Amino acid sequence: MSGLSYQYVVLRCVPRVDREEFVNVGVVLYCHATDFLAMAWHVEAGRLRALDPGIDVDQVRDALTFIDGVCAGDQRGGAAAAAPVSQRFGFLKAPRSTVLQPGPVHGGMTADPARQLEHLLERLVG
């Protein structure tokens, strides 16, 4: 299969870090060859509340909006959004001990990074 190589991380919501339970809520995809960096996300409040009834779902959505801003390189992403695309992906794939965490980096080949992002969202987040 010919195409473009890409890397992606699945974004996990970990409401209670001590329990190590999570729900996949988004995907960030980076394609170096085309300088493509974008995310797609979907939050099901009921699934998150099943893990932690007290979770602030709006705070999770705000964090995802911040990540979307970093990907897009706009003001929603703060100072991190001003960095080159490869550095922004590096920032987003770095583990943090917060409610929203990136999973391991995976890769593949695609002819269309945007379509691949939507496919991964459907397959891995639902």
PDB file of N, CA and C in Angstrom:
ATOM      1  N   MET A   1       0.845  -1.195   0.000  1.00  0.00           N
ATOM      2  CA  MET A   1       0.000   0.000   0.000  1.00  0.00           C
ATOM      3  C   MET A   1       0.874   1.237   0.000  1.00  0.00           C
ATOM      4  N   SER A   2       0.666   2.128  -0.931  1.00  0.00           N
ATOM      5  CA  SER A   2       1.406   3.377  -0.933  1.00  0.00           C
ATOM      6  C   SER A   2       0.632   4.400  -0.127  1.00  0.00           C
ATOM      7  N   GLY A   3       1.324   5.411   0.300  1.00  0.00           N
ATOM      8  CA  GLY A   3       0.650   6.439   1.069  1.00  0.00           C
ATOM      9  C   GLY A   3       1.622   7.211   1.926  1.00  0.00           C
ATOM     10  N   LEU A   4       1.069   7.898   2.871  1.00  0.00           N
ATOM     11  CA  LEU A   4       1.814   8.759   3.772  1.00  0.00           C
ATOM     12  C   LEU A   4       1.883   8.112   5.156  1.00  0.00           C
ATOM     13  N   SER A   5       3.043   8.175   5.765  1.00  0.00           N
ATOM     14  CA  SER A   5       3.145   7.643   7.124  1.00  0.00           C
ATOM     15  C   SER A   5       2.570   8.673   8.098  1.00  0.00           C
ATOM     16  N   TYR A   6       1.987   8.159   9.155  1.00  0.00           N
ATOM     17  CA  TYR A   6       1.424   9.016  10.187  1.00  0.00           C
ATOM     18  C   TYR A   6       1.633   8.382  11.549  1.00  0.00           C
ATOM     19  N   GLN A   7       1.488   9.196  12.584  1.00  0.00           N
ATOM     20  CA  GLN A   7       1.510   8.746  13.966  1.00  0.00           C
ATOM     21  C   GLN A   7       0.237   9.249  14.628  1.00  0.00           C
ATOM     22  N   TYR A   8      -0.219   8.509  15.622  1.00  0.00           N
ATOM     23  CA  TYR A   8      -1.380   8.983  16.370  1.00  0.00           C
ATOM     24  C   TYR A   8      -1.322   8.531  17.816  1.00  0.00           C
ATOM     25  N   VAL A   9      -2.035   9.263  18.649  1.00  0.00           N
ATOM     26  CA  VAL A   9      -2.241   8.879  20.044  1.00  0.00           C
ATOM     27  C   VAL A   9      -3.735   8.951  20.326  1.00  0.00           C
ATOM     28  N   VAL A  10      -4.186   8.024  21.142  1.00  0.00           N
ATOM     29  CA  VAL A  10      -5.561   8.046  21.625  1.00  0.00           C
ATOM     30  C   VAL A  10      -5.561   8.828  22.935  1.00  0.00           C
ATOM     31  N   LEU A  11      -6.493   9.747  23.072  1.00  0.00           N
ATOM     32  CA  LEU A  11      -6.627  10.515  24.301  1.00  0.00           C
ATOM     33  C   LEU A  11      -7.585   9.780  25.229  1.00  0.00           C
ATOM     34  N   ARG A  12      -7.134   9.592  26.453  1.00  0.00           N
ATOM     35  CA  ARG A  12      -7.896   8.846  27.446  1.00  0.00           C
ATOM     36  C   ARG A  12      -8.306   9.769  28.581  1.00  0.00           C
ATOM     37  N   CYS A  13      -9.541   9.650  28.988  1.00  0.00           N
ATOM     38  CA  CYS A  13      -9.990  10.346  30.190  1.00  0.00           C
ATOM     39  C   CYS A  13      -9.847   9.369  31.345  1.00  0.00           C
ATOM     40  N   VAL A  14      -9.072   9.765  32.339  1.00  0.00           N
ATOM     41  CA  VAL A  14      -8.799   8.938  33.512  1.00  0.00           C
ATOM     42  C   VAL A  14      -9.362   9.686  34.722  1.00  0.00           C
ATOM     43  N   PRO A  15     -10.648   9.492  35.021  1.00  0.00           N
ATOM     44  CA  PRO A  15     -11.273  10.278  36.092  1.00  0.00           C
ATOM     45  C   PRO A  15     -10.626  10.094  37.464  1.00  0.00           C
ATOM     46  N   ARG A  16     -10.202   8.873  37.751  1.00  0.00           N
ATOM     47  CA  ARG A  16      -9.546   8.588  39.032  1.00  0.00           C
ATOM     48  C   ARG A  16      -8.255   7.839  38.732  1.00  0.00           C
ATOM     49  N   VAL A  17      -7.161   8.578  38.761  1.00  0.00           N
ATOM     50  CA  VAL A  17      -5.860   8.019  38.414  1.00  0.00           C
ATOM     51  C   VAL A  17      -5.526   6.819  39.299  1.00  0.00           C
ATOM     52  N   ASP A  18      -5.946   6.851  40.555  1.00  0.00           N
ATOM     53  CA  ASP A  18      -5.643   5.763  41.485  1.00  0.00           C
ATOM     54  C   ASP A  18      -6.278   4.437  41.061  1.00  0.00           C
ATOM     55  N   ARG A  19      -7.366   4.482  40.296  1.00  0.00           N
ATOM     56  CA  ARG A  19      -8.036   3.252  39.859  1.00  0.00           C
ATOM     57  C   ARG A  19      -7.558   2.772  38.490  1.00  0.00           C
ATOM     58  N   GLU A  20      -6.828   3.614  37.773  1.00  0.00           N
ATOM     59  CA  GLU A  20      -6.263   3.273  36.468  1.00  0.00           C
ATOM     60  C   GLU A  20      -7.319   2.855  35.446  1.00  0.00           C
ATOM     61  N   GLU A  21      -8.541   3.346  35.583  1.00  0.00           N
ATOM     62  CA  GLU A  21      -9.605   3.091  34.610  1.00  0.00           C
ATOM     63  C   GLU A  21      -9.695   4.291  33.683  1.00  0.00           C
ATOM     64  N   PHE A  22     -10.030   4.045  32.426  1.00  0.00           N
ATOM     65  CA  PHE A  22     -10.119   5.160  31.487  1.00  0.00           C
ATOM     66  C   PHE A  22     -11.155   4.895  30.421  1.00  0.00           C
ATOM     67  N   VAL A  23     -11.545   5.987  29.765  1.00  0.00           N
ATOM     68  CA  VAL A  23     -12.444   5.954  28.614  1.00  0.00           C
ATOM     69  C   VAL A  23     -11.742   6.712  27.494  1.00  0.00           C
ATOM     70  N   ASN A  24     -11.661   6.127  26.315  1.00  0.00           N
ATOM     71  CA  ASN A  24     -11.093   6.820  25.157  1.00  0.00           C
ATOM     72  C   ASN A  24     -12.046   7.938  24.740  1.00  0.00           C
ATOM     73  N   VAL A  25     -11.504   9.155  24.585  1.00  0.00           N
ATOM     74  CA  VAL A  25     -12.351  10.303  24.236  1.00  0.00           C
ATOM     75  C   VAL A  25     -11.882  11.053  22.988  1.00  0.00           C
ATOM     76  N   GLY A  26     -10.707  10.735  22.462  1.00  0.00           N
ATOM     77  CA  GLY A  26     -10.232  11.469  21.293  1.00  0.00           C
ATOM     78  C   GLY A  26      -9.016  10.824  20.663  1.00  0.00           C
ATOM     79  N   VAL A  27      -8.654  11.341  19.497  1.00  0.00           N
ATOM     80  CA  VAL A  27      -7.480  10.877  18.757  1.00  0.00           C
ATOM     81  C   VAL A  27      -6.772  12.108  18.189  1.00  0.00           C
ATOM     82  N   VAL A  28      -5.447  12.128  18.316  1.00  0.00           N
ATOM     83  CA  VAL A  28      -4.614  13.151  17.685  1.00  0.00           C
ATOM     84  C   VAL A  28      -3.784  12.448  16.624  1.00  0.00           C
ATOM     85  N   LEU A  29      -3.824  12.963  15.391  1.00  0.00           N
ATOM     86  CA  LEU A  29      -3.080  12.356  14.288  1.00  0.00           C
ATOM     87  C   LEU A  29      -2.111  13.379  13.706  1.00  0.00           C
ATOM     88  N   TYR A  30      -0.862  12.921  13.484  1.00  0.00           N
ATOM     89  CA  TYR A  30       0.193  13.767  12.913  1.00  0.00           C
ATOM     90  C   TYR A  30       0.796  13.079  11.699  1.00  0.00           C
ATOM     91  N   CYS A  31       0.855  13.809  10.589  1.00  0.00           N
ATOM     92  CA  CYS A  31       1.495  13.327   9.366  1.00  0.00           C
ATOM     93  C   CYS A  31       2.584  14.336   8.996  1.00  0.00           C
ATOM     94  N   HIS A  32       3.834  13.945   9.209  1.00  0.00           N
ATOM     95  CA  HIS A  32       4.975  14.836   8.962  1.00  0.00           C
ATOM     96  C   HIS A  32       5.052  15.298   7.507  1.00  0.00           C
ATOM     97  N   ALA A  33       4.807  14.401   6.571  1.00  0.00           N
ATOM     98  CA  ALA A  33       4.959  14.717   5.147  1.00  0.00           C
ATOM     99  C   ALA A  33       4.060  15.851   4.681  1.00  0.00           C
ATOM    100  N   THR A  34       2.922  16.002   5.315  1.00  0.00           N
ATOM    101  CA  THR A  34       1.969  17.046   4.902  1.00  0.00           C
ATOM    102  C   THR A  34       1.779  18.124   5.966  1.00  0.00           C
ATOM    103  N   ASP A  35       2.532  18.055   7.062  1.00  0.00           N
ATOM    104  CA  ASP A  35       2.365  18.968   8.200  1.00  0.00           C
ATOM    105  C   ASP A  35       0.927  18.941   8.725  1.00  0.00           C
ATOM    106  N   PHE A  36       0.311  17.775   8.668  1.00  0.00           N
ATOM    107  CA  PHE A  36      -1.062  17.611   9.149  1.00  0.00           C
ATOM    108  C   PHE A  36      -1.019  17.271  10.633  1.00  0.00           C
ATOM    109  N   LEU A  37      -1.710  18.054  11.435  1.00  0.00           N
ATOM    110  CA  LEU A  37      -1.884  17.780  12.860  1.00  0.00           C
ATOM    111  C   LEU A  37      -3.306  18.162  13.202  1.00  0.00           C
ATOM    112  N   ALA A  38      -4.084  17.180  13.596  1.00  0.00           N
ATOM    113  CA  ALA A  38      -5.486  17.453  13.929  1.00  0.00           C
ATOM    114  C   ALA A  38      -5.964  16.441  14.953  1.00  0.00           C
ATOM    115  N   MET A  39      -7.075  16.780  15.563  1.00  0.00           N
ATOM    116  CA  MET A  39      -7.690  15.864  16.512  1.00  0.00           C
ATOM    117  C   MET A  39      -9.169  15.761  16.238  1.00  0.00           C
ATOM    118  N   ALA A  40      -9.736  14.675  16.704  1.00  0.00           N
ATOM    119  CA  ALA A  40     -11.180  14.480  16.677  1.00  0.00           C
ATOM    120  C   ALA A  40     -11.545  13.890  18.029  1.00  0.00           C
ATOM    121  N   TRP A  41     -12.679  14.301  18.558  1.00  0.00           N
ATOM    122  CA  TRP A  41     -13.055  13.788  19.875  1.00  0.00           C
ATOM    123  C   TRP A  41     -14.561  13.653  20.016  1.00  0.00           C
ATOM    124  N   HIS A  42     -14.923  12.810  20.972  1.00  0.00           N
ATOM    125  CA  HIS A  42     -16.322  12.567  21.297  1.00  0.00           C
ATOM    126  C   HIS A  42     -16.393  12.159  22.768  1.00  0.00           C
ATOM    127  N   VAL A  43     -17.200  12.869  23.531  1.00  0.00           N
ATOM    128  CA  VAL A  43     -17.340  12.592  24.960  1.00  0.00           C
ATOM    129  C   VAL A  43     -18.754  12.096  25.238  1.00  0.00           C
ATOM    130  N   GLU A  44     -18.838  10.922  25.834  1.00  0.00           N
ATOM    131  CA  GLU A  44     -20.111  10.402  26.323  1.00  0.00           C
ATOM    132  C   GLU A  44     -20.107  10.546  27.835  1.00  0.00           C
ATOM    133  N   ALA A  45     -20.859  11.518  28.319  1.00  0.00           N
ATOM    134  CA  ALA A  45     -20.869  11.835  29.752  1.00  0.00           C
ATOM    135  C   ALA A  45     -21.238  10.621  30.598  1.00  0.00           C
ATOM    136  N   GLY A  46     -22.169   9.821  30.135  1.00  0.00           N
ATOM    137  CA  GLY A  46     -22.597   8.656  30.904  1.00  0.00           C
ATOM    138  C   GLY A  46     -21.475   7.661  31.143  1.00  0.00           C
ATOM    139  N   ARG A  47     -20.642   7.459  30.133  1.00  0.00           N
ATOM    140  CA  ARG A  47     -19.511   6.537  30.287  1.00  0.00           C
ATOM    141  C   ARG A  47     -18.507   7.079  31.301  1.00  0.00           C
ATOM    142  N   LEU A  48     -18.264   8.387  31.266  1.00  0.00           N
ATOM    143  CA  LEU A  48     -17.329   8.972  32.224  1.00  0.00           C
ATOM    144  C   LEU A  48     -17.892   8.908  33.645  1.00  0.00           C
ATOM    145  N   ARG A  49     -19.169   9.208  33.772  1.00  0.00           N
ATOM    146  CA  ARG A  49     -19.787   9.188  35.108  1.00  0.00           C
ATOM    147  C   ARG A  49     -19.901   7.778  35.670  1.00  0.00           C
ATOM    148  N   ALA A  50     -19.873   6.772  34.800  1.00  0.00           N
ATOM    149  CA  ALA A  50     -19.859   5.388  35.295  1.00  0.00           C
ATOM    150  C   ALA A  50     -18.565   5.093  36.045  1.00  0.00           C
ATOM    151  N   LEU A  51     -17.484   5.748  35.651  1.00  0.00           N
ATOM    152  CA  LEU A  51     -16.209   5.583  36.349  1.00  0.00           C
ATOM    153  C   LEU A  51     -16.077   6.509  37.544  1.00  0.00           C
ATOM    154  N   ASP A  52     -16.676   7.685  37.448  1.00  0.00           N
ATOM    155  CA  ASP A  52     -16.608   8.665  38.540  1.00  0.00           C
ATOM    156  C   ASP A  52     -17.830   9.569  38.456  1.00  0.00           C
ATOM    157  N   PRO A  53     -18.832   9.322  39.298  1.00  0.00           N
ATOM    158  CA  PRO A  53     -20.063  10.122  39.249  1.00  0.00           C
ATOM    159  C   PRO A  53     -19.836  11.624  39.459  1.00  0.00           C
ATOM    160  N   GLY A  54     -18.717  11.993  40.073  1.00  0.00           N
ATOM    161  CA  GLY A  54     -18.451  13.402  40.339  1.00  0.00           C
ATOM    162  C   GLY A  54     -17.601  14.104  39.302  1.00  0.00           C
ATOM    163  N   ILE A  55     -17.305  13.441  38.206  1.00  0.00           N
ATOM    164  CA  ILE A  55     -16.421  14.052  37.200  1.00  0.00           C
ATOM    165  C   ILE A  55     -17.063  15.304  36.603  1.00  0.00           C
ATOM    166  N   ASP A  56     -16.230  16.301  36.366  1.00  0.00           N
ATOM    167  CA  ASP A  56     -16.673  17.535  35.723  1.00  0.00           C
ATOM    168  C   ASP A  56     -16.500  17.356  34.206  1.00  0.00           C
ATOM    169  N   VAL A  57     -17.568  16.953  33.544  1.00  0.00           N
ATOM    170  CA  VAL A  57     -17.520  16.661  32.109  1.00  0.00           C
ATOM    171  C   VAL A  57     -17.184  17.914  31.309  1.00  0.00           C
ATOM    172  N   ASP A  58     -17.652  19.074  31.754  1.00  0.00           N
ATOM    173  CA  ASP A  58     -17.316  20.318  31.057  1.00  0.00           C
ATOM    174  C   ASP A  58     -15.820  20.596  31.114  1.00  0.00           C
ATOM    175  N   GLN A  59     -15.179  20.246  32.213  1.00  0.00           N
ATOM    176  CA  GLN A  59     -13.729  20.433  32.321  1.00  0.00           C
ATOM    177  C   GLN A  59     -13.002  19.520  31.336  1.00  0.00           C
ATOM    178  N   VAL A  60     -13.500  18.311  31.157  1.00  0.00           N
ATOM    179  CA  VAL A  60     -12.916  17.388  30.175  1.00  0.00           C
ATOM    180  C   VAL A  60     -13.068  17.979  28.773  1.00  0.00           C
ATOM    181  N   ARG A  61     -14.247  18.494  28.471  1.00  0.00           N
ATOM    182  CA  ARG A  61     -14.476  19.105  27.149  1.00  0.00           C
ATOM    183  C   ARG A  61     -13.581  20.325  26.945  1.00  0.00           C
ATOM    184  N   ASP A  62     -13.385  21.124  28.005  1.00  0.00           N
ATOM    185  CA  ASP A  62     -12.485  22.285  27.909  1.00  0.00           C
ATOM    186  C   ASP A  62     -11.053  21.847  27.612  1.00  0.00           C
ATOM    187  N   ALA A  63     -10.611  20.765  28.243  1.00  0.00           N
ATOM    188  CA  ALA A  63      -9.256  20.255  27.998  1.00  0.00           C
ATOM    189  C   ALA A  63      -9.116  19.772  26.563  1.00  0.00           C
ATOM    190  N   LEU A  64     -10.157  19.137  26.042  1.00  0.00           N
ATOM    191  CA  LEU A  64     -10.132  18.689  24.652  1.00  0.00           C
ATOM    192  C   LEU A  64     -10.137  19.876  23.682  1.00  0.00           C
ATOM    193  N   THR A  65     -10.851  20.920  24.029  1.00  0.00           N
ATOM    194  CA  THR A  65     -10.855  22.138  23.210  1.00  0.00           C
ATOM    195  C   THR A  65      -9.466  22.773  23.186  1.00  0.00           C
ATOM    196  N   PHE A  66      -8.767  22.749  24.331  1.00  0.00           N
ATOM    197  CA  PHE A  66      -7.392  23.247  24.393  1.00  0.00           C
ATOM    198  C   PHE A  66      -6.498  22.442  23.442  1.00  0.00           C
ATOM    199  N   ILE A  67      -6.606  21.113  23.498  1.00  0.00           N
ATOM    200  CA  ILE A  67      -5.795  20.258  22.621  1.00  0.00           C
ATOM    201  C   ILE A  67      -6.116  20.528  21.159  1.00  0.00           C
ATOM    202  N   ASP A  68      -7.392  20.717  20.851  1.00  0.00           N
ATOM    203  CA  ASP A  68      -7.785  21.055  19.483  1.00  0.00           C
ATOM    204  C   ASP A  68      -7.126  22.366  19.056  1.00  0.00           C
ATOM    205  N   GLY A  69      -7.046  23.325  19.962  1.00  0.00           N
ATOM    206  CA  GLY A  69      -6.390  24.599  19.674  1.00  0.00           C
ATOM    207  C   GLY A  69      -4.901  24.446  19.419  1.00  0.00           C
ATOM    208  N   VAL A  70      -4.244  23.562  20.185  1.00  0.00           N
ATOM    209  CA  VAL A  70      -2.822  23.291  19.956  1.00  0.00           C
ATOM    210  C   VAL A  70      -2.644  22.703  18.557  1.00  0.00           C
ATOM    211  N   CYS A  71      -3.483  21.738  18.202  1.00  0.00           N
ATOM    212  CA  CYS A  71      -3.394  21.128  16.869  1.00  0.00           C
ATOM    213  C   CYS A  71      -3.598  22.167  15.771  1.00  0.00           C
ATOM    214  N   ALA A  72      -4.594  23.004  15.941  1.00  0.00           N
ATOM    215  CA  ALA A  72      -4.938  24.000  14.923  1.00  0.00           C
ATOM    216  C   ALA A  72      -3.974  25.180  14.897  1.00  0.00           C
ATOM    217  N   GLY A  73      -3.187  25.332  15.960  1.00  0.00           N
ATOM    218  CA  GLY A  73      -2.261  26.458  16.032  1.00  0.00           C
ATOM    219  C   GLY A  73      -2.967  27.773  16.298  1.00  0.00           C
ATOM    220  N   ASP A  74      -4.090  27.727  17.019  1.00  0.00           N
ATOM    221  CA  ASP A  74      -4.808  28.968  17.302  1.00  0.00           C
ATOM    222  C   ASP A  74      -4.809  29.310  18.796  1.00  0.00           C
ATOM    223  N   GLN A  75      -5.424  30.416  19.138  1.00  0.00           N
ATOM    224  CA  GLN A  75      -5.361  30.965  20.494  1.00  0.00           C
ATOM    225  C   GLN A  75      -5.914  30.024  21.559  1.00  0.00           C
ATOM    226  N   ARG A  76      -6.777  29.086  21.195  1.00  0.00           N
ATOM    227  CA  ARG A  76      -7.304  28.136  22.187  1.00  0.00           C
ATOM    228  C   ARG A  76      -6.189  27.283  22.782  1.00  0.00           C
ATOM    229  N   GLY A  77      -5.093  27.114  22.045  1.00  0.00           N
ATOM    230  CA  GLY A  77      -3.981  26.280  22.482  1.00  0.00           C
ATOM    231  C   GLY A  77      -2.892  27.009  23.225  1.00  0.00           C
ATOM    232  N   GLY A  78      -3.094  28.287  23.504  1.00  0.00           N
ATOM    233  CA  GLY A  78      -2.110  29.048  24.264  1.00  0.00           C
ATOM    234  C   GLY A  78      -0.747  29.081  23.586  1.00  0.00           C
ATOM    235  N   ALA A  79       0.301  29.193  24.408  1.00  0.00           N
ATOM    236  CA  ALA A  79       1.666  29.317  23.892  1.00  0.00           C
ATOM    237  C   ALA A  79       2.096  28.083  23.102  1.00  0.00           C
ATOM    238  N   ALA A  80       1.619  26.908  23.495  1.00  0.00           N
ATOM    239  CA  ALA A  80       2.005  25.673  22.798  1.00  0.00           C
ATOM    240  C   ALA A  80       1.576  25.693  21.336  1.00  0.00           C
ATOM    241  N   ALA A  81       0.518  26.410  21.014  1.00  0.00           N
ATOM    242  CA  ALA A  81       0.001  26.457  19.645  1.00  0.00           C
ATOM    243  C   ALA A  81       0.920  27.217  18.696  1.00  0.00           C
ATOM    244  N   ALA A  82       1.850  28.013  19.235  1.00  0.00           N
ATOM    245  CA  ALA A  82       2.749  28.797  18.393  1.00  0.00           C
ATOM    246  C   ALA A  82       3.963  27.996  17.914  1.00  0.00           C
ATOM    247  N   ALA A  83       4.173  26.818  18.471  1.00  0.00           N
ATOM    248  CA  ALA A  83       5.337  25.999  18.115  1.00  0.00           C
ATOM    249  C   ALA A  83       5.137  25.362  16.735  1.00  0.00           C
ATOM    250  N   PRO A  84       6.226  24.914  16.107  1.00  0.00           N
ATOM    251  CA  PRO A  84       6.094  24.169  14.845  1.00  0.00           C
ATOM    252  C   PRO A  84       5.247  22.910  15.057  1.00  0.00           C
ATOM    253  N   VAL A  85       4.665  22.411  13.973  1.00  0.00           N
ATOM    254  CA  VAL A  85       3.732  21.288  14.042  1.00  0.00           C
ATOM    255  C   VAL A  85       4.350  20.081  14.752  1.00  0.00           C
ATOM    256  N   SER A  86       5.582  19.714  14.405  1.00  0.00           N
ATOM    257  CA  SER A  86       6.200  18.531  15.019  1.00  0.00           C
ATOM    258  C   SER A  86       6.366  18.705  16.523  1.00  0.00           C
ATOM    259  N   GLN A  87       6.689  19.905  16.965  1.00  0.00           N
ATOM    260  CA  GLN A  87       6.826  20.165  18.400  1.00  0.00           C
ATOM    261  C   GLN A  87       5.469  20.134  19.101  1.00  0.00           C
ATOM    262  N   ARG A  88       4.427  20.600  18.421  1.00  0.00           N
ATOM    263  CA  ARG A  88       3.086  20.537  19.005  1.00  0.00           C
ATOM    264  C   ARG A  88       2.664  19.090  19.227  1.00  0.00           C
ATOM    265  N   PHE A  89       2.948  18.220  18.240  1.00  0.00           N
ATOM    266  CA  PHE A  89       2.617  16.810  18.431  1.00  0.00           C
ATOM    267  C   PHE A  89       3.427  16.233  19.587  1.00  0.00           C
ATOM    268  N   GLY A  90       4.694  16.588  19.678  1.00  0.00           N
ATOM    269  CA  GLY A  90       5.528  16.139  20.799  1.00  0.00           C
ATOM    270  C   GLY A  90       4.956  16.564  22.137  1.00  0.00           C
ATOM    271  N   PHE A  91       4.463  17.784  22.211  1.00  0.00           N
ATOM    272  CA  PHE A  91       3.831  18.299  23.430  1.00  0.00           C
ATOM    273  C   PHE A  91       2.587  17.476  23.768  1.00  0.00           C
ATOM    274  N   LEU A  92       1.787  17.167  22.752  1.00  0.00           N
ATOM    275  CA  LEU A  92       0.520  16.478  22.990  1.00  0.00           C
ATOM    276  C   LEU A  92       0.694  15.001  23.322  1.00  0.00           C
ATOM    277  N   LYS A  93       1.737  14.366  22.829  1.00  0.00           N
ATOM    278  CA  LYS A  93       1.926  12.934  23.086  1.00  0.00           C
ATOM    279  C   LYS A  93       2.668  12.660  24.389  1.00  0.00           C
ATOM    280  N   ALA A  94       3.164  13.707  25.039  1.00  0.00           N
ATOM    281  CA  ALA A  94       3.901  13.526  26.288  1.00  0.00           C
ATOM    282  C   ALA A  94       2.945  13.171  27.433  1.00  0.00           C
ATOM    283  N   PRO A  95       3.272  12.132  28.192  1.00  0.00           N
ATOM    284  CA  PRO A  95       2.400  11.738  29.308  1.00  0.00           C
ATOM    285  C   PRO A  95       2.348  12.812  30.398  1.00  0.00           C
ATOM    286  N   ARG A  96       1.182  12.952  30.971  1.00  0.00           N
ATOM    287  CA  ARG A  96       0.984  13.876  32.084  1.00  0.00           C
ATOM    288  C   ARG A  96       0.103  13.160  33.103  1.00  0.00           C
ATOM    289  N   SER A  97       0.212  13.557  34.337  1.00  0.00           N
ATOM    290  CA  SER A  97      -0.639  12.941  35.360  1.00  0.00           C
ATOM    291  C   SER A  97      -1.872  13.812  35.573  1.00  0.00           C
ATOM    292  N   THR A  98      -2.711  13.877  34.541  1.00  0.00           N
ATOM    293  CA  THR A  98      -3.948  14.636  34.616  1.00  0.00           C
ATOM    294  C   THR A  98      -5.109  13.725  34.256  1.00  0.00           C
ATOM    295  N   VAL A  99      -6.287  14.272  34.273  1.00  0.00           N
ATOM    296  CA  VAL A  99      -7.482  13.511  33.937  1.00  0.00           C
ATOM    297  C   VAL A  99      -7.488  13.118  32.466  1.00  0.00           C
ATOM    298  N   LEU A 100      -6.850  13.909  31.616  1.00  0.00           N
ATOM    299  CA  LEU A 100      -6.779  13.620  30.177  1.00  0.00           C
ATOM    300  C   LEU A 100      -5.344  13.229  29.829  1.00  0.00           C
ATOM    301  N   GLN A 101      -5.156  11.980  29.374  1.00  0.00           N
ATOM    302  CA  GLN A 101      -3.813  11.464  29.127  1.00  0.00           C
ATOM    303  C   GLN A 101      -3.712  10.852  27.734  1.00  0.00           C
ATOM    304  N   PRO A 102      -2.555  11.027  27.073  1.00  0.00           N
ATOM    305  CA  PRO A 102      -2.345  10.342  25.786  1.00  0.00           C
ATOM    306  C   PRO A 102      -1.929   8.899  26.021  1.00  0.00           C
ATOM    307  N   GLY A 103      -2.394   8.005  25.169  1.00  0.00           N
ATOM    308  CA  GLY A 103      -1.936   6.629  25.202  1.00  0.00           C
ATOM    309  C   GLY A 103      -0.628   6.517  24.445  1.00  0.00           C
ATOM    310  N   PRO A 104      -0.166   5.302  24.200  1.00  0.00           N
ATOM    311  CA  PRO A 104       1.073   5.112  23.442  1.00  0.00           C
ATOM    312  C   PRO A 104       0.946   5.615  22.002  1.00  0.00           C
ATOM    313  N   VAL A 105       2.077   5.959  21.413  1.00  0.00           N
ATOM    314  CA  VAL A 105       2.108   6.401  20.020  1.00  0.00           C
ATOM    315  C   VAL A 105       2.039   5.176  19.113  1.00  0.00           C
ATOM    316  N   HIS A 106       1.166   5.256  18.128  1.00  0.00           N
ATOM    317  CA  HIS A 106       1.029   4.215  17.110  1.00  0.00           C
ATOM    318  C   HIS A 106       1.233   4.869  15.748  1.00  0.00           C
ATOM    319  N   GLY A 107       1.408   4.069  14.719  1.00  0.00           N
ATOM    320  CA  GLY A 107       1.616   4.614  13.385  1.00  0.00           C
ATOM    321  C   GLY A 107       0.961   3.775  12.315  1.00  0.00           C
ATOM    322  N   GLY A 108       1.004   4.298  11.113  1.00  0.00           N
ATOM    323  CA  GLY A 108       0.435   3.599   9.978  1.00  0.00           C
ATOM    324  C   GLY A 108       0.695   4.356   8.698  1.00  0.00           C
ATOM    325  N   MET A 109       0.013   3.915   7.652  1.00  0.00           N
ATOM    326  CA  MET A 109       0.106   4.542   6.338  1.00  0.00           C
ATOM    327  C   MET A 109      -1.296   4.884   5.863  1.00  0.00           C
ATOM    328  N   THR A 110      -1.420   6.026   5.192  1.00  0.00           N
ATOM    329  CA  THR A 110      -2.712   6.450   4.676  1.00  0.00           C
ATOM    330  C   THR A 110      -2.515   7.339   3.464  1.00  0.00           C
ATOM    331  N   ALA A 111      -3.503   7.393   2.612  1.00  0.00           N
ATOM    332  CA  ALA A 111      -3.501   8.331   1.492  1.00  0.00           C
ATOM    333  C   ALA A 111      -4.166   9.642   1.897  1.00  0.00           C
ATOM    334  N   ASP A 112      -4.961   9.609   2.985  1.00  0.00           N
ATOM    335  CA  ASP A 112      -5.749  10.770   3.392  1.00  0.00           C
ATOM    336  C   ASP A 112      -5.751  10.881   4.918  1.00  0.00           C
ATOM    337  N   PRO A 113      -4.860  11.705   5.499  1.00  0.00           N
ATOM    338  CA  PRO A 113      -4.783  11.807   6.957  1.00  0.00           C
ATOM    339  C   PRO A 113      -6.102  12.226   7.624  1.00  0.00           C
ATOM    340  N   ALA A 114      -6.836  13.132   7.023  1.00  0.00           N
ATOM    341  CA  ALA A 114      -8.101  13.574   7.631  1.00  0.00           C
ATOM    342  C   ALA A 114      -9.108  12.433   7.688  1.00  0.00           C
ATOM    343  N   ARG A 115      -9.202  11.671   6.621  1.00  0.00           N
ATOM    344  CA  ARG A 115     -10.119  10.527   6.617  1.00  0.00           C
ATOM    345  C   ARG A 115      -9.661   9.470   7.612  1.00  0.00           C
ATOM    346  N   GLN A 116      -8.358   9.268   7.711  1.00  0.00           N
ATOM    347  CA  GLN A 116      -7.826   8.289   8.658  1.00  0.00           C
ATOM    348  C   GLN A 116      -8.146   8.701  10.090  1.00  0.00           C
ATOM    349  N   LEU A 117      -8.064   9.984  10.375  1.00  0.00           N
ATOM    350  CA  LEU A 117      -8.409  10.481  11.712  1.00  0.00           C
ATOM    351  C   LEU A 117      -9.855  10.142  12.056  1.00  0.00           C
ATOM    352  N   GLU A 118     -10.756  10.377  11.146  1.00  0.00           N
ATOM    353  CA  GLU A 118     -12.170  10.062  11.385  1.00  0.00           C
ATOM    354  C   GLU A 118     -12.378   8.556  11.572  1.00  0.00           C
ATOM    355  N   HIS A 119     -11.665   7.761  10.776  1.00  0.00           N
ATOM    356  CA  HIS A 119     -11.744   6.301  10.911  1.00  0.00           C
ATOM    357  C   HIS A 119     -11.266   5.864  12.299  1.00  0.00           C
ATOM    358  N   LEU A 120     -10.144   6.415  12.749  1.00  0.00           N
ATOM    359  CA  LEU A 120      -9.622   6.056  14.063  1.00  0.00           C
ATOM    360  C   LEU A 120     -10.563   6.496  15.185  1.00  0.00           C
ATOM    361  N   LEU A 121     -11.169   7.661  15.035  1.00  0.00           N
ATOM    362  CA  LEU A 121     -12.123   8.114  16.045  1.00  0.00           C
ATOM    363  C   LEU A 121     -13.287   7.124  16.155  1.00  0.00           C
ATOM    364  N   GLU A 122     -13.829   6.742  15.016  1.00  0.00           N
ATOM    365  CA  GLU A 122     -14.957   5.811  15.016  1.00  0.00           C
ATOM    366  C   GLU A 122     -14.560   4.461  15.611  1.00  0.00           C
ATOM    367  N   ARG A 123     -13.394   3.995  15.239  1.00  0.00           N
ATOM    368  CA  ARG A 123     -12.945   2.662  15.675  1.00  0.00           C
ATOM    369  C   ARG A 123     -12.501   2.610  17.125  1.00  0.00           C
ATOM    370  N   LEU A 124     -11.832   3.655  17.597  1.00  0.00           N
ATOM    371  CA  LEU A 124     -11.211   3.618  18.923  1.00  0.00           C
ATOM    372  C   LEU A 124     -11.973   4.371  20.012  1.00  0.00           C
ATOM    373  N   VAL A 125     -12.821   5.306  19.601  1.00  0.00           N
ATOM    374  CA  VAL A 125     -13.569   6.098  20.589  1.00  0.00           C
ATOM    375  C   VAL A 125     -15.054   5.752  20.553  1.00  0.00           C
ATOM    376  N   GLY A 126     -15.571   5.587  19.338  1.00  0.00           N
ATOM    377  CA  GLY A 126     -16.990   5.217  19.213  1.00  0.00           C
ATOM    378  C   GLY A 126     -17.874   6.374  18.884  1.00  0.00           C
TER     379      GLY A 126
END
